[in-house]
Amino acid sequence: ETDNNRHIRDLIEQVLFTAPGERVNHPDFGSGLLQLVFEPNSNELAITTQFLVQGALQQWLGDLIEVNDVQVVNQDSTLKVTVVYTVRRTQEQQVAQFSR
């Protein structure tokens, strides 16, 4: 069992690291973030990725969280994502970091 904050963090991780088309009954679910690991680094890619992640989180978890900030760093073969969000039910601000 997990508490509500951990459950929301797990949901964010699912959205970030699920590729669209990976879920049978939800072909649009996910962000496609893992595909960007192999793209060349650039400022444009970082900005595009931030919008992609923020849009996916708002679409799939918008009823649970408000996304305040997204930071994406691509170094070598590692993708680091930091999401700052507010839990709508409690108005508590959280920070979650993910890497792959």
PDB file of N, CA and C in Angstrom:
ATOM      1  N   GLU A   1       0.831  -1.184   0.000  1.00  0.00           N
ATOM      2  CA  GLU A   1       0.000   0.000   0.000  1.00  0.00           C
ATOM      3  C   GLU A   1       0.872   1.243   0.000  1.00  0.00           C
ATOM      4  N   THR A   2       0.365   2.289  -0.642  1.00  0.00           N
ATOM      5  CA  THR A   2       1.073   3.562  -0.667  1.00  0.00           C
ATOM      6  C   THR A   2       0.130   4.678  -0.244  1.00  0.00           C
ATOM      7  N   ASP A   3       0.715   5.772   0.217  1.00  0.00           N
ATOM      8  CA  ASP A   3      -0.113   6.919   0.560  1.00  0.00           C
ATOM      9  C   ASP A   3      -0.469   7.672  -0.722  1.00  0.00           C
ATOM     10  N   ASN A   4      -1.309   8.676  -0.605  1.00  0.00           N
ATOM     11  CA  ASN A   4      -1.804   9.400  -1.764  1.00  0.00           C
ATOM     12  C   ASN A   4      -0.677  10.080  -2.544  1.00  0.00           C
ATOM     13  N   ASN A   5       0.286  10.679  -1.842  1.00  0.00           N
ATOM     14  CA  ASN A   5       1.388  11.366  -2.523  1.00  0.00           C
ATOM     15  C   ASN A   5       2.240  10.390  -3.333  1.00  0.00           C
ATOM     16  N   ARG A   6       2.506   9.244  -2.787  1.00  0.00           N
ATOM     17  CA  ARG A   6       3.300   8.231  -3.493  1.00  0.00           C
ATOM     18  C   ARG A   6       2.519   7.692  -4.701  1.00  0.00           C
ATOM     19  N   HIS A   7       1.227   7.527  -4.535  1.00  0.00           N
ATOM     20  CA  HIS A   7       0.385   7.044  -5.631  1.00  0.00           C
ATOM     21  C   HIS A   7       0.404   8.038  -6.802  1.00  0.00           C
ATOM     22  N   ILE A   8       0.294   9.318  -6.504  1.00  0.00           N
ATOM     23  CA  ILE A   8       0.334  10.328  -7.556  1.00  0.00           C
ATOM     24  C   ILE A   8       1.696  10.344  -8.231  1.00  0.00           C
ATOM     25  N   ARG A   9       2.764  10.219  -7.453  1.00  0.00           N
ATOM     26  CA  ARG A   9       4.106  10.156  -8.041  1.00  0.00           C
ATOM     27  C   ARG A   9       4.224   8.960  -8.978  1.00  0.00           C
ATOM     28  N   ASP A  10       3.685   7.821  -8.574  1.00  0.00           N
ATOM     29  CA  ASP A  10       3.707   6.632  -9.429  1.00  0.00           C
ATOM     30  C   ASP A  10       2.922   6.862 -10.726  1.00  0.00           C
ATOM     31  N   LEU A  11       1.796   7.563 -10.632  1.00  0.00           N
ATOM     32  CA  LEU A  11       1.006   7.872 -11.826  1.00  0.00           C
ATOM     33  C   LEU A  11       1.787   8.784 -12.778  1.00  0.00           C
ATOM     34  N   ILE A  12       2.488   9.761 -12.225  1.00  0.00           N
ATOM     35  CA  ILE A  12       3.313  10.648 -13.046  1.00  0.00           C
ATOM     36  C   ILE A  12       4.376   9.835 -13.774  1.00  0.00           C
ATOM     37  N   GLU A  13       5.010   8.931 -13.073  1.00  0.00           N
ATOM     38  CA  GLU A  13       6.039   8.083 -13.687  1.00  0.00           C
ATOM     39  C   GLU A  13       5.458   7.238 -14.817  1.00  0.00           C
ATOM     40  N   GLN A  14       4.255   6.724 -14.627  1.00  0.00           N
ATOM     41  CA  GLN A  14       3.606   5.944 -15.679  1.00  0.00           C
ATOM     42  C   GLN A  14       3.374   6.790 -16.930  1.00  0.00           C
ATOM     43  N   VAL A  15       2.890   8.005 -16.746  1.00  0.00           N
ATOM     44  CA  VAL A  15       2.642   8.879 -17.896  1.00  0.00           C
ATOM     45  C   VAL A  15       3.955   9.202 -18.606  1.00  0.00           C
ATOM     46  N   LEU A  16       4.984   9.532 -17.842  1.00  0.00           N
ATOM     47  CA  LEU A  16       6.253   9.935 -18.443  1.00  0.00           C
ATOM     48  C   LEU A  16       6.914   8.826 -19.244  1.00  0.00           C
ATOM     49  N   PHE A  17       6.910   7.631 -18.723  1.00  0.00           N
ATOM     50  CA  PHE A  17       7.710   6.563 -19.319  1.00  0.00           C
ATOM     51  C   PHE A  17       6.906   5.506 -20.066  1.00  0.00           C
ATOM     52  N   THR A  18       5.652   5.834 -20.387  1.00  0.00           N
ATOM     53  CA  THR A  18       4.848   4.976 -21.249  1.00  0.00           C
ATOM     54  C   THR A  18       4.818   5.605 -22.634  1.00  0.00           C
ATOM     55  N   ALA A  19       5.107   4.805 -23.622  1.00  0.00           N
ATOM     56  CA  ALA A  19       5.091   5.295 -25.008  1.00  0.00           C
ATOM     57  C   ALA A  19       3.669   5.253 -25.541  1.00  0.00           C
ATOM     58  N   PRO A  20       3.240   6.283 -26.277  1.00  0.00           N
ATOM     59  CA  PRO A  20       1.917   6.225 -26.899  1.00  0.00           C
ATOM     60  C   PRO A  20       1.806   4.970 -27.768  1.00  0.00           C
ATOM     61  N   GLY A  21       0.678   4.293 -27.641  1.00  0.00           N
ATOM     62  CA  GLY A  21       0.473   3.037 -28.362  1.00  0.00           C
ATOM     63  C   GLY A  21       0.837   1.815 -27.550  1.00  0.00           C
ATOM     64  N   GLU A  22       1.474   2.000 -26.410  1.00  0.00           N
ATOM     65  CA  GLU A  22       1.900   0.881 -25.576  1.00  0.00           C
ATOM     66  C   GLU A  22       0.736   0.251 -24.811  1.00  0.00           C
ATOM     67  N   ARG A  23      -0.256   1.039 -24.460  1.00  0.00           N
ATOM     68  CA  ARG A  23      -1.425   0.529 -23.748  1.00  0.00           C
ATOM     69  C   ARG A  23      -2.523   0.194 -24.749  1.00  0.00           C
ATOM     70  N   VAL A  24      -3.066  -0.992 -24.635  1.00  0.00           N
ATOM     71  CA  VAL A  24      -4.030  -1.492 -25.604  1.00  0.00           C
ATOM     72  C   VAL A  24      -5.297  -0.639 -25.665  1.00  0.00           C
ATOM     73  N   ASN A  25      -5.928  -0.390 -24.549  1.00  0.00           N
ATOM     74  CA  ASN A  25      -7.195   0.332 -24.538  1.00  0.00           C
ATOM     75  C   ASN A  25      -7.039   1.852 -24.450  1.00  0.00           C
ATOM     76  N   HIS A  26      -5.815   2.330 -24.327  1.00  0.00           N
ATOM     77  CA  HIS A  26      -5.532   3.768 -24.263  1.00  0.00           C
ATOM     78  C   HIS A  26      -4.353   4.080 -25.188  1.00  0.00           C
ATOM     79  N   PRO A  27      -4.575   4.058 -26.499  1.00  0.00           N
ATOM     80  CA  PRO A  27      -3.452   4.221 -27.429  1.00  0.00           C
ATOM     81  C   PRO A  27      -2.785   5.594 -27.372  1.00  0.00           C
ATOM     82  N   ASP A  28      -3.461   6.606 -26.820  1.00  0.00           N
ATOM     83  CA  ASP A  28      -2.871   7.944 -26.726  1.00  0.00           C
ATOM     84  C   ASP A  28      -2.169   8.183 -25.392  1.00  0.00           C
ATOM     85  N   PHE A  29      -2.290   7.236 -24.466  1.00  0.00           N
ATOM     86  CA  PHE A  29      -1.717   7.411 -23.129  1.00  0.00           C
ATOM     87  C   PHE A  29      -0.196   7.438 -23.197  1.00  0.00           C
ATOM     88  N   GLY A  30       0.422   8.329 -22.422  1.00  0.00           N
ATOM     89  CA  GLY A  30       1.874   8.392 -22.328  1.00  0.00           C
ATOM     90  C   GLY A  30       2.421   9.666 -22.928  1.00  0.00           C
ATOM     91  N   SER A  31       3.754   9.774 -22.868  1.00  0.00           N
ATOM     92  CA  SER A  31       4.390  10.986 -23.382  1.00  0.00           C
ATOM     93  C   SER A  31       5.445  10.713 -24.449  1.00  0.00           C
ATOM     94  N   GLY A  32       5.918   9.492 -24.571  1.00  0.00           N
ATOM     95  CA  GLY A  32       6.958   9.195 -25.553  1.00  0.00           C
ATOM     96  C   GLY A  32       8.318   9.730 -25.159  1.00  0.00           C
ATOM     97  N   LEU A  33       8.493  10.007 -23.893  1.00  0.00           N
ATOM     98  CA  LEU A  33       9.718  10.617 -23.396  1.00  0.00           C
ATOM     99  C   LEU A  33      10.962   9.764 -23.642  1.00  0.00           C
ATOM    100  N   LEU A  34      10.845   8.465 -23.498  1.00  0.00           N
ATOM    101  CA  LEU A  34      12.022   7.596 -23.642  1.00  0.00           C
ATOM    102  C   LEU A  34      12.598   7.619 -25.049  1.00  0.00           C
ATOM    103  N   GLN A  35      11.799   7.947 -26.037  1.00  0.00           N
ATOM    104  CA  GLN A  35      12.298   8.026 -27.409  1.00  0.00           C
ATOM    105  C   GLN A  35      13.263   9.186 -27.580  1.00  0.00           C
ATOM    106  N   LEU A  36      13.205  10.167 -26.694  1.00  0.00           N
ATOM    107  CA  LEU A  36      14.040  11.355 -26.821  1.00  0.00           C
ATOM    108  C   LEU A  36      15.456  11.160 -26.284  1.00  0.00           C
ATOM    109  N   VAL A  37      15.715  10.053 -25.612  1.00  0.00           N
ATOM    110  CA  VAL A  37      17.042   9.790 -25.075  1.00  0.00           C
ATOM    111  C   VAL A  37      18.074   9.763 -26.192  1.00  0.00           C
ATOM    112  N   PHE A  38      17.690   9.310 -27.364  1.00  0.00           N
ATOM    113  CA  PHE A  38      18.623   9.143 -28.464  1.00  0.00           C
ATOM    114  C   PHE A  38      18.683  10.343 -29.406  1.00  0.00           C
ATOM    115  N   GLU A  39      17.954  11.396 -29.085  1.00  0.00           N
ATOM    116  CA  GLU A  39      17.977  12.603 -29.905  1.00  0.00           C
ATOM    117  C   GLU A  39      19.169  13.469 -29.497  1.00  0.00           C
ATOM    118  N   PRO A  40      19.728  14.232 -30.437  1.00  0.00           N
ATOM    119  CA  PRO A  40      20.844  15.114 -30.083  1.00  0.00           C
ATOM    120  C   PRO A  40      20.377  16.249 -29.176  1.00  0.00           C
ATOM    121  N   ASN A  41      21.233  16.613 -28.230  1.00  0.00           N
ATOM    122  CA  ASN A  41      20.895  17.689 -27.297  1.00  0.00           C
ATOM    123  C   ASN A  41      20.857  19.034 -27.998  1.00  0.00           C
ATOM    124  N   SER A  42      19.859  19.822 -27.641  1.00  0.00           N
ATOM    125  CA  SER A  42      19.775  21.198 -28.113  1.00  0.00           C
ATOM    126  C   SER A  42      18.779  21.931 -27.230  1.00  0.00           C
ATOM    127  N   ASN A  43      18.846  23.241 -27.244  1.00  0.00           N
ATOM    128  CA  ASN A  43      17.888  24.036 -26.475  1.00  0.00           C
ATOM    129  C   ASN A  43      16.469  23.828 -26.972  1.00  0.00           C
ATOM    130  N   GLU A  44      16.326  23.705 -28.292  1.00  0.00           N
ATOM    131  CA  GLU A  44      15.001  23.505 -28.875  1.00  0.00           C
ATOM    132  C   GLU A  44      14.399  22.181 -28.423  1.00  0.00           C
ATOM    133  N   LEU A  45      15.228  21.134 -28.388  1.00  0.00           N
ATOM    134  CA  LEU A  45      14.738  19.827 -27.943  1.00  0.00           C
ATOM    135  C   LEU A  45      14.317  19.881 -26.477  1.00  0.00           C
ATOM    136  N   ALA A  46      15.097  20.566 -25.653  1.00  0.00           N
ATOM    137  CA  ALA A  46      14.760  20.667 -24.227  1.00  0.00           C
ATOM    138  C   ALA A  46      13.427  21.384 -24.036  1.00  0.00           C
ATOM    139  N   ILE A  47      13.225  22.467 -24.758  1.00  0.00           N
ATOM    140  CA  ILE A  47      11.970  23.225 -24.639  1.00  0.00           C
ATOM    141  C   ILE A  47      10.795  22.401 -25.150  1.00  0.00           C
ATOM    142  N   THR A  48      10.990  21.743 -26.278  1.00  0.00           N
ATOM    143  CA  THR A  48       9.931  20.896 -26.835  1.00  0.00           C
ATOM    144  C   THR A  48       9.572  19.774 -25.878  1.00  0.00           C
ATOM    145  N   THR A  49      10.570  19.171 -25.279  1.00  0.00           N
ATOM    146  CA  THR A  49      10.345  18.067 -24.338  1.00  0.00           C
ATOM    147  C   THR A  49       9.584  18.554 -23.115  1.00  0.00           C
ATOM    148  N   GLN A  50       9.925  19.729 -22.617  1.00  0.00           N
ATOM    149  CA  GLN A  50       9.215  20.278 -21.464  1.00  0.00           C
ATOM    150  C   GLN A  50       7.730  20.470 -21.772  1.00  0.00           C
ATOM    151  N   PHE A  51       7.434  21.003 -22.958  1.00  0.00           N
ATOM    152  CA  PHE A  51       6.029  21.186 -23.345  1.00  0.00           C
ATOM    153  C   PHE A  51       5.336  19.845 -23.539  1.00  0.00           C
ATOM    154  N   LEU A  52       6.027  18.884 -24.119  1.00  0.00           N
ATOM    155  CA  LEU A  52       5.473  17.550 -24.327  1.00  0.00           C
ATOM    156  C   LEU A  52       5.096  16.907 -22.997  1.00  0.00           C
ATOM    157  N   VAL A  53       6.014  16.960 -22.048  1.00  0.00           N
ATOM    158  CA  VAL A  53       5.781  16.363 -20.726  1.00  0.00           C
ATOM    159  C   VAL A  53       4.658  17.091 -20.004  1.00  0.00           C
ATOM    160  N   GLN A  54       4.703  18.401 -19.999  1.00  0.00           N
ATOM    161  CA  GLN A  54       3.671  19.163 -19.306  1.00  0.00           C
ATOM    162  C   GLN A  54       2.294  18.899 -19.906  1.00  0.00           C
ATOM    163  N   GLY A  55       2.224  18.841 -21.229  1.00  0.00           N
ATOM    164  CA  GLY A  55       0.948  18.558 -21.889  1.00  0.00           C
ATOM    165  C   GLY A  55       0.410  17.180 -21.556  1.00  0.00           C
ATOM    166  N   ALA A  56       1.287  16.176 -21.560  1.00  0.00           N
ATOM    167  CA  ALA A  56       0.851  14.804 -21.244  1.00  0.00           C
ATOM    168  C   ALA A  56       0.366  14.711 -19.801  1.00  0.00           C
ATOM    169  N   LEU A  57       1.079  15.357 -18.879  1.00  0.00           N
ATOM    170  CA  LEU A  57       0.664  15.312 -17.469  1.00  0.00           C
ATOM    171  C   LEU A  57      -0.666  16.035 -17.271  1.00  0.00           C
ATOM    172  N   GLN A  58      -0.848  17.163 -17.946  1.00  0.00           N
ATOM    173  CA  GLN A  58      -2.115  17.882 -17.817  1.00  0.00           C
ATOM    174  C   GLN A  58      -3.262  17.089 -18.422  1.00  0.00           C
ATOM    175  N   GLN A  59      -3.001  16.424 -19.530  1.00  0.00           N
ATOM    176  CA  GLN A  59      -4.050  15.648 -20.179  1.00  0.00           C
ATOM    177  C   GLN A  59      -4.478  14.467 -19.326  1.00  0.00           C
ATOM    178  N   TRP A  60      -3.525  13.722 -18.812  1.00  0.00           N
ATOM    179  CA  TRP A  60      -3.856  12.466 -18.142  1.00  0.00           C
ATOM    180  C   TRP A  60      -4.035  12.593 -16.630  1.00  0.00           C
ATOM    181  N   LEU A  61      -3.425  13.597 -16.018  1.00  0.00           N
ATOM    182  CA  LEU A  61      -3.518  13.723 -14.556  1.00  0.00           C
ATOM    183  C   LEU A  61      -4.030  15.092 -14.121  1.00  0.00           C
ATOM    184  N   GLY A  62      -4.581  15.855 -15.046  1.00  0.00           N
ATOM    185  CA  GLY A  62      -5.040  17.204 -14.754  1.00  0.00           C
ATOM    186  C   GLY A  62      -6.091  17.297 -13.662  1.00  0.00           C
ATOM    187  N   ASP A  63      -6.850  16.236 -13.458  1.00  0.00           N
ATOM    188  CA  ASP A  63      -7.848  16.248 -12.388  1.00  0.00           C
ATOM    189  C   ASP A  63      -7.218  16.009 -11.021  1.00  0.00           C
ATOM    190  N   LEU A  64      -5.974  15.493 -10.982  1.00  0.00           N
ATOM    191  CA  LEU A  64      -5.298  15.203  -9.721  1.00  0.00           C
ATOM    192  C   LEU A  64      -4.235  16.231  -9.348  1.00  0.00           C
ATOM    193  N   ILE A  65      -3.543  16.766 -10.364  1.00  0.00           N
ATOM    194  CA  ILE A  65      -2.435  17.670 -10.098  1.00  0.00           C
ATOM    195  C   ILE A  65      -2.484  18.905 -11.008  1.00  0.00           C
ATOM    196  N   GLU A  66      -1.828  19.944 -10.543  1.00  0.00           N
ATOM    197  CA  GLU A  66      -1.558  21.118 -11.371  1.00  0.00           C
ATOM    198  C   GLU A  66      -0.047  21.159 -11.568  1.00  0.00           C
ATOM    199  N   VAL A  67       0.386  21.111 -12.810  1.00  0.00           N
ATOM    200  CA  VAL A  67       1.818  21.099 -13.115  1.00  0.00           C
ATOM    201  C   VAL A  67       2.339  22.528 -13.041  1.00  0.00           C
ATOM    202  N   ASN A  68       3.299  22.763 -12.145  1.00  0.00           N
ATOM    203  CA  ASN A  68       3.876  24.096 -11.965  1.00  0.00           C
ATOM    204  C   ASN A  68       5.138  24.302 -12.803  1.00  0.00           C
ATOM    205  N   ASP A  69       5.949  23.252 -12.922  1.00  0.00           N
ATOM    206  CA  ASP A  69       7.202  23.379 -13.657  1.00  0.00           C
ATOM    207  C   ASP A  69       7.684  21.995 -14.061  1.00  0.00           C
ATOM    208  N   VAL A  70       8.331  21.942 -15.211  1.00  0.00           N
ATOM    209  CA  VAL A  70       8.943  20.706 -15.702  1.00  0.00           C
ATOM    210  C   VAL A  70      10.341  21.055 -16.182  1.00  0.00           C
ATOM    211  N   GLN A  71      11.323  20.309 -15.725  1.00  0.00           N
ATOM    212  CA  GLN A  71      12.694  20.480 -16.190  1.00  0.00           C
ATOM    213  C   GLN A  71      13.176  19.143 -16.718  1.00  0.00           C
ATOM    214  N   VAL A  72      13.761  19.156 -17.918  1.00  0.00           N
ATOM    215  CA  VAL A  72      14.250  17.936 -18.551  1.00  0.00           C
ATOM    216  C   VAL A  72      15.717  18.130 -18.902  1.00  0.00           C
ATOM    217  N   VAL A  73      16.551  17.193 -18.475  1.00  0.00           N
ATOM    218  CA  VAL A  73      17.976  17.232 -18.784  1.00  0.00           C
ATOM    219  C   VAL A  73      18.345  15.914 -19.442  1.00  0.00           C
ATOM    220  N   ASN A  74      18.979  16.006 -20.613  1.00  0.00           N
ATOM    221  CA  ASN A  74      19.425  14.829 -21.352  1.00  0.00           C
ATOM    222  C   ASN A  74      20.948  14.833 -21.346  1.00  0.00           C
ATOM    223  N   GLN A  75      21.558  13.917 -20.590  1.00  0.00           N
ATOM    224  CA  GLN A  75      23.012  13.820 -20.523  1.00  0.00           C
ATOM    225  C   GLN A  75      23.420  12.418 -20.918  1.00  0.00           C
ATOM    226  N   ASP A  76      24.258  12.341 -21.947  1.00  0.00           N
ATOM    227  CA  ASP A  76      24.712  11.055 -22.463  1.00  0.00           C
ATOM    228  C   ASP A  76      23.496  10.179 -22.739  1.00  0.00           C
ATOM    229  N   SER A  77      23.377   9.049 -22.038  1.00  0.00           N
ATOM    230  CA  SER A  77      22.245   8.149 -22.261  1.00  0.00           C
ATOM    231  C   SER A  77      21.239   8.213 -21.116  1.00  0.00           C
ATOM    232  N   THR A  78      21.305   9.271 -20.307  1.00  0.00           N
ATOM    233  CA  THR A  78      20.403   9.408 -19.165  1.00  0.00           C
ATOM    234  C   THR A  78      19.485  10.598 -19.360  1.00  0.00           C
ATOM    235  N   LEU A  79      18.219  10.366 -19.116  1.00  0.00           N
ATOM    236  CA  LEU A  79      17.209  11.417 -19.189  1.00  0.00           C
ATOM    237  C   LEU A  79      16.742  11.697 -17.764  1.00  0.00           C
ATOM    238  N   LYS A  80      16.893  12.949 -17.309  1.00  0.00           N
ATOM    239  CA  LYS A  80      16.480  13.341 -15.968  1.00  0.00           C
ATOM    240  C   LYS A  80      15.325  14.328 -16.073  1.00  0.00           C
ATOM    241  N   VAL A  81      14.247  14.008 -15.377  1.00  0.00           N
ATOM    242  CA  VAL A  81      13.036  14.842 -15.426  1.00  0.00           C
ATOM    243  C   VAL A  81      12.676  15.248 -14.005  1.00  0.00           C
ATOM    244  N   THR A  82      12.460  16.533 -13.804  1.00  0.00           N
ATOM    245  CA  THR A  82      11.990  17.045 -12.518  1.00  0.00           C
ATOM    246  C   THR A  82      10.636  17.702 -12.752  1.00  0.00           C
ATOM    247  N   VAL A  83       9.655  17.272 -11.984  1.00  0.00           N
ATOM    248  CA  VAL A  83       8.296  17.811 -12.102  1.00  0.00           C
ATOM    249  C   VAL A  83       7.917  18.445 -10.767  1.00  0.00           C
ATOM    250  N   VAL A  84       7.548  19.717 -10.817  1.00  0.00           N
ATOM    251  CA  VAL A  84       7.028  20.420  -9.644  1.00  0.00           C
ATOM    252  C   VAL A  84       5.526  20.547  -9.863  1.00  0.00           C
ATOM    253  N   TYR A  85       4.757  20.065  -8.914  1.00  0.00           N
ATOM    254  CA  TYR A  85       3.305  20.049  -9.086  1.00  0.00           C
ATOM    255  C   TYR A  85       2.598  20.283  -7.758  1.00  0.00           C
ATOM    256  N   THR A  86       1.331  20.656  -7.866  1.00  0.00           N
ATOM    257  CA  THR A  86       0.485  20.850  -6.697  1.00  0.00           C
ATOM    258  C   THR A  86      -0.627  19.823  -6.745  1.00  0.00           C
ATOM    259  N   VAL A  87      -0.799  19.102  -5.645  1.00  0.00           N
ATOM    260  CA  VAL A  87      -1.879  18.122  -5.532  1.00  0.00           C
ATOM    261  C   VAL A  87      -3.175  18.897  -5.332  1.00  0.00           C
ATOM    262  N   ARG A  88      -4.124  18.726  -6.225  1.00  0.00           N
ATOM    263  CA  ARG A  88      -5.361  19.517  -6.183  1.00  0.00           C
ATOM    264  C   ARG A  88      -6.165  19.287  -4.900  1.00  0.00           C
ATOM    265  N   ARG A  89      -6.204  18.052  -4.435  1.00  0.00           N
ATOM    266  CA  ARG A  89      -7.041  17.734  -3.276  1.00  0.00           C
ATOM    267  C   ARG A  89      -6.531  18.404  -1.999  1.00  0.00           C
ATOM    268  N   THR A  90      -5.199  18.459  -1.834  1.00  0.00           N
ATOM    269  CA  THR A  90      -4.629  18.975  -0.593  1.00  0.00           C
ATOM    270  C   THR A  90      -3.958  20.339  -0.761  1.00  0.00           C
ATOM    271  N   GLN A  91      -3.777  20.804  -2.024  1.00  0.00           N
ATOM    272  CA  GLN A  91      -3.053  22.036  -2.330  1.00  0.00           C
ATOM    273  C   GLN A  91      -1.607  21.993  -1.828  1.00  0.00           C
ATOM    274  N   GLU A  92      -1.063  20.814  -1.702  1.00  0.00           N
ATOM    275  CA  GLU A  92       0.315  20.621  -1.261  1.00  0.00           C
ATOM    276  C   GLU A  92       1.233  20.553  -2.480  1.00  0.00           C
ATOM    277  N   GLN A  93       2.314  21.326  -2.453  1.00  0.00           N
ATOM    278  CA  GLN A  93       3.260  21.305  -3.568  1.00  0.00           C
ATOM    279  C   GLN A  93       4.262  20.169  -3.365  1.00  0.00           C
ATOM    280  N   GLN A  94       4.553  19.455  -4.447  1.00  0.00           N
ATOM    281  CA  GLN A  94       5.468  18.314  -4.418  1.00  0.00           C
ATOM    282  C   GLN A  94       6.496  18.473  -5.536  1.00  0.00           C
ATOM    283  N   VAL A  95       7.634  17.828  -5.356  1.00  0.00           N
ATOM    284  CA  VAL A  95       8.663  17.758  -6.394  1.00  0.00           C
ATOM    285  C   VAL A  95       8.999  16.298  -6.590  1.00  0.00           C
ATOM    286  N   ALA A  96       8.962  15.857  -7.838  1.00  0.00           N
ATOM    287  CA  ALA A  96       9.304  14.463  -8.157  1.00  0.00           C
ATOM    288  C   ALA A  96      10.404  14.467  -9.206  1.00  0.00           C
ATOM    289  N   GLN A  97      11.416  13.630  -8.987  1.00  0.00           N
ATOM    290  CA  GLN A  97      12.514  13.504  -9.942  1.00  0.00           C
ATOM    291  C   GLN A  97      12.562  12.082 -10.459  1.00  0.00           C
ATOM    292  N   PHE A  98      12.789  11.973 -11.767  1.00  0.00           N
ATOM    293  CA  PHE A  98      12.839  10.669 -12.424  1.00  0.00           C
ATOM    294  C   PHE A  98      14.055  10.636 -13.330  1.00  0.00           C
ATOM    295  N   SER A  99      14.617   9.464 -13.493  1.00  0.00           N
ATOM    296  CA  SER A  99      15.710   9.315 -14.474  1.00  0.00           C
ATOM    297  C   SER A  99      15.655   7.930 -15.075  1.00  0.00           C
ATOM    298  N   ARG A 100      16.064   7.878 -16.315  1.00  0.00           N
ATOM    299  CA  ARG A 100      16.134   6.618 -17.059  1.00  0.00           C
ATOM    300  C   ARG A 100      17.362   6.653 -17.906  1.00  0.00           C
TER     301      ARG A 100
END
